[in-house]
Amino acid sequence: MGAGERPLSEVKFLTVAEVAAVMRVSKMTVYRLVHSGELPAIRVGRSFRVPEQAVHDYLRDAFIEAG
C-alpha cells in the first residue's frame, strides 16, 4: 500500500448520483469523467462506484489548475 492508500474495507464508495451532488454537476458529466479515465471508478453490475477520496482528489487538482 502506498502512503495515501487505505485498506479497501475503509474506502467509502459513492454512486454516480452522489458524486454529481458533491461536485454540483449532472450525472452525465460524472459518467463522462469516468469513461475518459479522469475519475477512477469500479463497475458493480450495471452501475459505477467512485471512491470518495478520488472525488476529493479530482476537485483539489482541478481547483489548483484553475488558479
Protein backbone atom coordinates (compact mmCIF):
# COMPACT_ATOMS: atom_id res chain seq x y z
CA MET A 1 0.00 0.00 0.00
CA GLY A 2 1.16 3.50 -0.82
CA ALA A 3 1.34 6.36 1.63
CA GLY A 4 -2.15 7.68 0.87
CA GLU A 5 -3.91 4.34 0.43
CA ARG A 6 -6.29 2.85 2.94
CA PRO A 7 -7.41 -0.76 3.30
CA LEU A 8 -10.28 -1.50 0.91
CA SER A 9 -12.61 -2.10 3.85
CA GLU A 10 -12.15 1.55 4.87
CA VAL A 11 -12.75 3.06 1.42
CA LYS A 12 -16.13 4.75 1.04
CA PHE A 13 -17.64 4.41 -2.40
CA LEU A 14 -20.14 6.89 -3.83
CA THR A 15 -22.78 6.36 -6.51
CA VAL A 16 -22.73 8.48 -9.66
CA ALA A 17 -25.70 10.45 -8.29
CA GLU A 18 -23.83 11.13 -5.03
CA VAL A 19 -20.71 12.24 -6.91
CA ALA A 20 -22.84 14.55 -9.08
CA ALA A 21 -24.36 16.10 -5.95
CA VAL A 22 -20.95 16.64 -4.31
CA MET A 23 -19.48 18.18 -7.46
CA ARG A 24 -22.67 20.12 -8.31
CA VAL A 25 -22.71 18.71 -11.86
CA SER A 26 -25.04 16.42 -13.81
CA LYS A 27 -24.79 12.63 -13.69
CA MET A 28 -23.85 12.71 -17.38
CA THR A 29 -20.79 14.81 -16.54
CA VAL A 30 -19.73 12.23 -13.94
CA TYR A 31 -20.18 9.41 -16.49
CA ARG A 32 -18.02 11.35 -18.97
CA LEU A 33 -15.27 11.78 -16.34
CA VAL A 34 -15.42 8.06 -15.50
CA HIS A 35 -15.35 6.92 -19.14
CA SER A 36 -12.49 9.30 -20.00
CA GLY A 37 -10.43 7.95 -17.10
CA GLU A 38 -10.23 11.31 -15.31
CA LEU A 39 -12.20 9.90 -12.38
CA PRO A 40 -11.40 6.33 -11.27
CA ALA A 41 -14.37 4.05 -10.68
CA ILE A 42 -15.27 0.42 -10.31
CA ARG A 43 -18.18 -1.24 -12.02
CA VAL A 44 -20.71 -3.03 -9.84
CA GLY A 45 -23.21 -4.79 -12.05
CA ARG A 46 -24.50 -2.14 -14.43
CA SER A 47 -23.57 0.82 -12.24
CA PHE A 48 -20.37 2.57 -11.20
CA ARG A 49 -18.97 3.34 -7.76
CA VAL A 50 -16.38 6.06 -7.26
CA PRO A 51 -14.03 6.13 -4.26
CA GLU A 52 -14.88 9.22 -2.19
CA GLN A 53 -11.20 10.17 -1.93
CA ALA A 54 -10.91 10.16 -5.74
CA VAL A 55 -13.66 12.80 -5.93
CA HIS A 56 -11.84 15.00 -3.40
CA ASP A 57 -8.52 14.49 -5.23
CA TYR A 58 -10.10 15.39 -8.58
CA LEU A 59 -11.68 18.56 -7.19
CA ARG A 60 -8.45 19.60 -5.44
CA ASP A 61 -6.38 19.08 -8.61
CA ALA A 62 -8.94 20.87 -10.79
CA PHE A 63 -9.04 23.80 -8.38
CA ILE A 64 -5.25 24.18 -8.43
CA GLU A 65 -5.19 24.05 -12.26
CA ALA A 66 -7.87 26.73 -12.48
CA GLY A 67 -6.00 29.06 -10.12
